[in-house]
N, C-alpha and C. Protein backbone atom coordinates (compact mmCIF):
# COMPACT_ATOMS: atom_id res chain seq x y z
N MET A 1 -35.73 -1.56 9.89
CA MET A 1 -34.34 -2.84 10.46
C MET A 1 -32.59 -2.32 10.50
N ASP A 2 -32.86 -0.91 9.46
CA ASP A 2 -31.80 -0.66 9.45
C ASP A 2 -31.43 0.39 10.10
N GLU A 3 -32.84 1.95 10.88
CA GLU A 3 -32.42 2.31 12.08
C GLU A 3 -31.48 2.13 12.82
N LYS A 4 -31.65 1.00 12.94
CA LYS A 4 -30.96 0.13 13.93
C LYS A 4 -29.33 0.90 13.72
N PHE A 5 -29.18 0.35 12.43
CA PHE A 5 -27.19 0.22 12.18
C PHE A 5 -26.79 1.80 11.48
N LYS A 6 -25.77 2.69 12.39
CA LYS A 6 -24.86 3.79 11.93
C LYS A 6 -24.60 3.66 10.67
N TYR A 7 -24.09 1.89 10.15
CA TYR A 7 -23.26 1.97 9.26
C TYR A 7 -24.60 0.97 7.94
N THR A 8 -24.08 0.66 6.74
CA THR A 8 -24.61 0.40 6.00
C THR A 8 -23.23 -1.39 5.40
N VAL A 9 -23.23 -1.94 4.97
CA VAL A 9 -22.32 -2.40 3.76
C VAL A 9 -22.21 -2.19 2.90
N GLY A 10 -20.78 -2.24 2.65
CA GLY A 10 -20.39 -1.44 1.60
C GLY A 10 -20.07 -0.25 1.89
N GLN A 11 -19.90 0.66 3.08
CA GLN A 11 -19.79 1.66 3.56
C GLN A 11 -18.18 2.11 3.73
N LEU A 12 -17.49 2.48 3.79
CA LEU A 12 -16.67 2.67 4.17
C LEU A 12 -15.52 2.83 5.45
N VAL A 13 -15.40 2.98 6.52
CA VAL A 13 -14.98 2.50 7.91
C VAL A 13 -13.81 2.76 8.06
N GLU A 14 -13.86 3.69 9.51
CA GLU A 14 -12.22 3.62 10.02
C GLU A 14 -12.29 3.15 11.66
N HIS A 15 -11.35 2.51 11.85
CA HIS A 15 -11.02 1.58 13.80
C HIS A 15 -10.66 3.48 14.27
N GLN A 16 -11.39 3.34 16.04
CA GLN A 16 -11.71 4.87 15.97
C GLN A 16 -9.84 4.70 16.84
N ARG A 17 -9.89 3.22 17.50
CA ARG A 17 -8.60 3.02 18.31
C ARG A 17 -7.52 2.89 17.33
N TYR A 18 -7.53 2.18 16.54
CA TYR A 18 -6.47 1.26 16.15
C TYR A 18 -6.08 1.52 14.29
N SER A 19 -6.98 2.96 14.34
CA SER A 19 -6.46 3.32 12.89
C SER A 19 -6.51 3.07 11.19
N TYR A 20 -6.97 1.76 11.45
CA TYR A 20 -6.59 1.81 10.15
C TYR A 20 -8.45 1.17 9.23
N ARG A 21 -8.65 0.76 7.93
CA ARG A 21 -9.44 1.56 7.68
C ARG A 21 -9.93 0.43 7.08
N GLY A 22 -10.62 0.00 6.17
CA GLY A 22 -12.02 -1.14 5.57
C GLY A 22 -13.18 -0.44 5.48
N VAL A 23 -14.29 -1.16 4.29
CA VAL A 23 -15.33 -1.74 3.83
C VAL A 23 -16.18 -2.71 4.90
N VAL A 24 -17.25 -2.27 5.35
CA VAL A 24 -18.52 -3.05 5.88
C VAL A 24 -18.77 -4.24 5.33
N VAL A 25 -18.74 -5.30 5.05
CA VAL A 25 -19.16 -6.26 4.70
C VAL A 25 -20.29 -7.53 5.52
N SER A 26 -20.50 -6.92 6.71
CA SER A 26 -21.65 -7.91 7.11
C SER A 26 -22.23 -7.36 8.53
N ARG A 27 -23.32 -7.08 8.88
CA ARG A 27 -23.20 -6.21 10.69
C ARG A 27 -24.52 -7.43 11.30
N ASP A 28 -24.41 -6.94 13.05
CA ASP A 28 -25.23 -7.90 13.40
C ASP A 28 -26.01 -6.39 14.68
N LEU A 29 -26.60 -7.12 14.79
CA LEU A 29 -27.00 -6.05 15.12
C LEU A 29 -27.14 -5.89 16.91
N SER A 30 -26.42 -7.10 17.69
CA SER A 30 -25.81 -6.85 18.44
C SER A 30 -24.10 -8.41 19.16
N CYS A 31 -23.28 -8.62 19.93
CA CYS A 31 -22.43 -9.41 19.41
C CYS A 31 -22.85 -11.00 19.30
N GLN A 32 -22.43 -11.35 18.51
CA GLN A 32 -22.24 -12.74 18.03
C GLN A 32 -21.81 -13.54 18.39
N ALA A 33 -20.45 -13.26 18.45
CA ALA A 33 -18.69 -14.01 18.92
C ALA A 33 -19.01 -14.61 20.13
N SER A 34 -18.84 -16.33 20.15
CA SER A 34 -18.60 -16.70 21.29
C SER A 34 -17.77 -15.85 22.57
N SER A 35 -18.23 -16.40 23.84
CA SER A 35 -18.15 -16.03 25.34
C SER A 35 -16.10 -15.59 24.99
N GLU A 36 -15.59 -17.25 24.56
CA GLU A 36 -14.14 -16.49 24.53
C GLU A 36 -13.17 -15.85 24.33
N TRP A 37 -14.20 -16.11 22.34
CA TRP A 37 -13.59 -14.87 21.89
C TRP A 37 -13.90 -13.03 22.39
N TYR A 38 -14.83 -13.07 23.22
CA TYR A 38 -14.70 -11.66 23.44
C TYR A 38 -14.03 -11.40 24.71
N GLU A 39 -14.02 -12.66 25.61
CA GLU A 39 -13.12 -12.07 26.70
C GLU A 39 -11.84 -12.12 26.60
N GLY A 40 -11.38 -13.09 25.56
CA GLY A 40 -9.76 -12.67 25.22
C GLY A 40 -9.57 -11.82 23.98
N ASN A 41 -10.76 -10.71 23.95
CA ASN A 41 -10.60 -9.08 23.61
C ASN A 41 -9.97 -8.22 24.41
N LEU A 42 -9.01 -6.94 23.86
CA LEU A 42 -8.16 -6.29 24.26
C LEU A 42 -9.09 -5.13 24.76
N THR A 43 -10.13 -4.98 24.44
CA THR A 43 -10.91 -4.38 24.45
C THR A 43 -12.26 -5.15 25.15
N GLN A 44 -13.72 -4.58 25.94
CA GLN A 44 -14.18 -5.46 25.53
C GLN A 44 -16.10 -4.52 25.10
N PRO A 45 -16.38 -3.91 24.35
CA PRO A 45 -17.45 -2.54 24.33
C PRO A 45 -18.96 -3.66 24.61
N GLU A 46 -19.79 -2.50 24.55
CA GLU A 46 -20.99 -3.59 25.37
C GLU A 46 -21.12 -4.28 24.05
N ARG A 47 -21.85 -5.71 24.24
CA ARG A 47 -22.33 -6.17 23.40
C ARG A 47 -23.88 -6.04 22.90
N GLU A 48 -24.07 -5.39 23.64
CA GLU A 48 -26.02 -4.85 22.83
C GLU A 48 -25.71 -3.67 22.82
N GLN A 49 -24.91 -3.93 21.36
CA GLN A 49 -25.31 -2.72 20.74
C GLN A 49 -24.79 -3.35 18.52
N PRO A 50 -25.11 -3.09 17.81
CA PRO A 50 -24.81 -3.22 16.20
C PRO A 50 -23.36 -2.99 16.20
N TRP A 51 -22.29 -4.53 15.54
CA TRP A 51 -21.34 -4.86 15.53
C TRP A 51 -21.25 -5.52 13.96
N TYR A 52 -19.82 -5.16 13.72
CA TYR A 52 -19.95 -5.05 12.20
C TYR A 52 -18.51 -6.33 11.54
N HIS A 53 -18.51 -6.85 10.56
CA HIS A 53 -17.55 -7.36 10.23
C HIS A 53 -16.32 -6.83 9.17
N VAL A 54 -15.77 -6.12 9.18
CA VAL A 54 -14.89 -4.94 8.02
C VAL A 54 -13.67 -5.90 7.60
N LEU A 55 -13.66 -5.79 5.79
CA LEU A 55 -12.71 -5.89 5.68
C LEU A 55 -11.46 -5.38 5.69
N VAL A 56 -10.36 -5.39 5.73
CA VAL A 56 -9.63 -4.81 6.54
C VAL A 56 -8.22 -4.24 5.43
N HIS A 57 -8.44 -2.81 4.61
CA HIS A 57 -7.77 -2.27 3.87
C HIS A 57 -6.01 -2.67 3.87
N GLY A 58 -5.44 -3.34 2.55
CA GLY A 58 -4.12 -3.66 3.11
C GLY A 58 -3.89 -5.28 3.05
N GLY A 59 -5.18 -5.35 3.85
CA GLY A 59 -4.71 -7.19 4.42
C GLY A 59 -5.65 -8.36 4.36
N ASP A 60 -5.33 -9.29 4.19
CA ASP A 60 -6.16 -10.27 3.49
C ASP A 60 -7.51 -11.25 4.58
N HIS A 61 -7.23 -9.88 5.93
CA HIS A 61 -8.35 -10.30 7.10
C HIS A 61 -9.37 -9.52 7.38
N SER A 62 -10.31 -9.89 7.89
CA SER A 62 -11.14 -9.17 8.24
C SER A 62 -11.61 -9.20 9.53
N THR A 63 -12.35 -7.91 10.62
CA THR A 63 -12.37 -7.39 11.87
C THR A 63 -14.39 -7.99 12.07
N TYR A 64 -13.73 -7.53 13.36
CA TYR A 64 -15.52 -7.79 14.06
C TYR A 64 -15.58 -7.06 15.23
N VAL A 65 -15.47 -5.70 15.10
CA VAL A 65 -15.84 -4.49 15.31
C VAL A 65 -17.25 -4.18 15.96
N ALA A 66 -17.00 -2.96 17.15
CA ALA A 66 -18.17 -2.77 18.00
C ALA A 66 -18.17 -1.42 16.96
N GLU A 67 -18.94 -0.69 17.27
CA GLU A 67 -20.40 0.30 16.44
C GLU A 67 -19.48 1.49 17.44
N GLU A 68 -19.16 1.60 18.30
CA GLU A 68 -18.90 2.56 19.51
C GLU A 68 -17.24 2.72 18.79
N ASN A 69 -17.32 1.74 18.48
CA ASN A 69 -15.38 2.04 17.98
C ASN A 69 -14.80 2.53 16.06
N LEU A 70 -16.02 2.73 15.80
CA LEU A 70 -16.35 3.28 14.38
C LEU A 70 -16.39 4.77 14.13
N ARG A 71 -15.61 4.82 13.04
CA ARG A 71 -16.24 6.04 12.39
C ARG A 71 -16.48 6.19 11.00
N GLU A 72 -16.44 6.85 10.19
CA GLU A 72 -17.13 6.75 8.68
C GLU A 72 -15.17 7.28 8.58
N ASP A 73 -15.78 6.17 7.34
CA ASP A 73 -13.71 6.98 6.80
C ASP A 73 -14.75 7.73 4.85
N THR A 74 -14.60 9.40 5.61
CA THR A 74 -14.50 10.08 4.44
C THR A 74 -13.77 10.17 3.19
N GLY A 75 -12.78 9.58 3.39
CA GLY A 75 -11.63 9.52 2.06
C GLY A 75 -12.14 9.08 0.72
N GLY A 76 -13.09 8.53 0.37
CA GLY A 76 -13.12 8.12 -0.79
C GLY A 76 -12.38 6.87 -1.78
N GLU A 77 -11.56 7.05 -0.78
CA GLU A 77 -10.57 5.23 -1.83
C GLU A 77 -10.83 4.22 -1.20
N GLN A 78 -10.96 3.28 -2.22
CA GLN A 78 -11.33 2.39 -2.38
C GLN A 78 -10.30 1.34 -0.97
N VAL A 79 -10.82 -0.12 -0.49
CA VAL A 79 -10.60 -0.94 0.33
C VAL A 79 -9.59 -1.81 -0.58
N ILE A 80 -8.25 -1.42 -0.56
CA ILE A 80 -7.83 -2.50 -1.19
C ILE A 80 -7.50 -4.09 -0.29
N HIS A 81 -8.43 -5.37 -1.28
CA HIS A 81 -8.47 -6.71 -0.19
C HIS A 81 -8.97 -7.75 -1.30
N SER A 82 -8.02 -9.19 -0.47
CA SER A 82 -8.43 -9.69 -1.79
C SER A 82 -10.16 -10.17 -1.72
N LEU A 83 -10.92 -10.22 -0.88
CA LEU A 83 -12.83 -10.43 -1.01
C LEU A 83 -13.40 -9.42 -1.57
N THR A 84 -13.23 -8.42 -1.74
CA THR A 84 -13.61 -7.11 -2.18
C THR A 84 -14.38 -7.88 -3.34
N ALA A 85 -14.05 -7.91 -4.38
CA ALA A 85 -14.51 -8.74 -5.47
C ALA A 85 -15.53 -9.42 -5.76
N THR A 86 -15.21 -10.41 -4.60
CA THR A 86 -16.41 -11.55 -4.09
C THR A 86 -17.50 -11.25 -3.14
N PHE A 87 -17.62 -9.89 -2.54
CA PHE A 87 -18.77 -9.45 -1.92
C PHE A 87 -19.70 -8.37 -2.30
N PHE A 88 -18.65 -7.32 -3.65
CA PHE A 88 -19.56 -5.89 -4.21
C PHE A 88 -19.08 -6.44 -5.13
N MET A 89 -19.54 -5.46 -6.47
CA MET A 89 -20.39 -5.21 -7.54
C MET A 89 -18.88 -4.35 -8.26
N TYR A 90 -19.48 -3.38 -7.29
CA TYR A 90 -17.59 -2.49 -8.10
C TYR A 90 -17.87 -1.68 -6.92
N PHE A 91 -17.08 -0.23 -7.42
CA PHE A 91 -16.79 1.03 -6.21
C PHE A 91 -17.53 1.68 -6.43
N THR A 92 -18.41 2.80 -6.05
CA THR A 92 -18.63 4.60 -7.31
C THR A 92 -19.00 5.40 -6.05
N GLU A 93 -18.89 6.74 -6.14
CA GLU A 93 -19.12 7.54 -5.01
C GLU A 93 -18.60 7.29 -3.61
N GLY A 94 -17.40 6.51 -3.52
CA GLY A 94 -16.68 6.20 -2.17
C GLY A 94 -17.27 5.37 -0.78
N ARG A 95 -18.20 4.42 -2.23
CA ARG A 95 -18.69 3.16 -1.23
C ARG A 95 -18.54 2.18 -2.07
N TYR A 96 -19.31 0.72 -2.08
CA TYR A 96 -19.42 -0.40 -2.49
C TYR A 96 -20.71 -1.11 -3.09
N VAL A 97 -20.56 -1.42 -3.57
CA VAL A 97 -22.35 -2.07 -3.75
C VAL A 97 -22.30 -3.17 -3.80
N PRO A 98 -22.92 -3.57 -2.28
CA PRO A 98 -23.10 -5.09 -2.81
C PRO A 98 -23.35 -6.27 -3.83
N ARG A 99 -23.22 -7.43 -4.17
CA ARG A 99 -23.59 -8.06 -4.65
C ARG A 99 -24.63 -9.17 -3.82
N GLU A 100 -26.22 -9.11 -4.73
CA GLU A 100 -26.84 -9.68 -4.45
C GLU A 100 -26.77 -11.39 -3.94
N GLY A 101 -27.13 -11.96 -3.16
CA GLY A 101 -27.19 -13.44 -2.72
C GLY A 101 -25.66 -13.74 -1.82
N VAL A 102 -25.34 -12.62 -1.92
CA VAL A 102 -23.87 -12.96 -1.48
C VAL A 102 -23.04 -12.86 -0.48
N SER A 103 -22.97 -13.97 0.95
CA SER A 103 -23.08 -13.10 2.66
C SER A 103 -22.32 -13.77 3.17
N PHE A 104 -22.07 -12.90 4.11
CA PHE A 104 -20.40 -12.58 5.08
C PHE A 104 -20.43 -14.87 5.48
N PRO A 105 -19.63 -15.24 5.79
CA PRO A 105 -19.56 -16.58 6.24
C PRO A 105 -20.02 -16.47 7.73
N GLY A 106 -21.11 -17.28 8.60
CA GLY A 106 -21.30 -17.20 9.82
C GLY A 106 -22.37 -16.10 10.16
N THR A 107 -23.16 -15.55 8.52
CA THR A 107 -24.16 -14.53 8.76
C THR A 107 -24.80 -14.45 8.52
N GLY A 108 -26.15 -13.56 8.36
CA GLY A 108 -27.41 -14.05 7.03
C GLY A 108 -27.35 -12.46 6.12
N ALA A 109 -26.29 -11.94 6.80
CA ALA A 109 -26.30 -10.77 5.92
C ALA A 109 -25.22 -9.76 5.91
């Protein structure tokens, strides 16, 4: 299943349009958000592609982003977010190591 995803849990990413950076905390093979949420989104990327829950650096929120809107963040700097310790054990070599048995709310992974 991993070959369908460009990014892994714990990987640092940047939003191509809005330029914020963050860390992938979970992922879905396609958009699992409600039609209301999707239609209220400023952009409507294709639903049938991988989507990622991202903890946003410097904030206390997460975003739900289509794969086409992300790029790898190669800066190697940690993401400052109140939930990183909840989902990740530690940061090493430019990525976070996920905690076993902990999943993002509303997801299985």
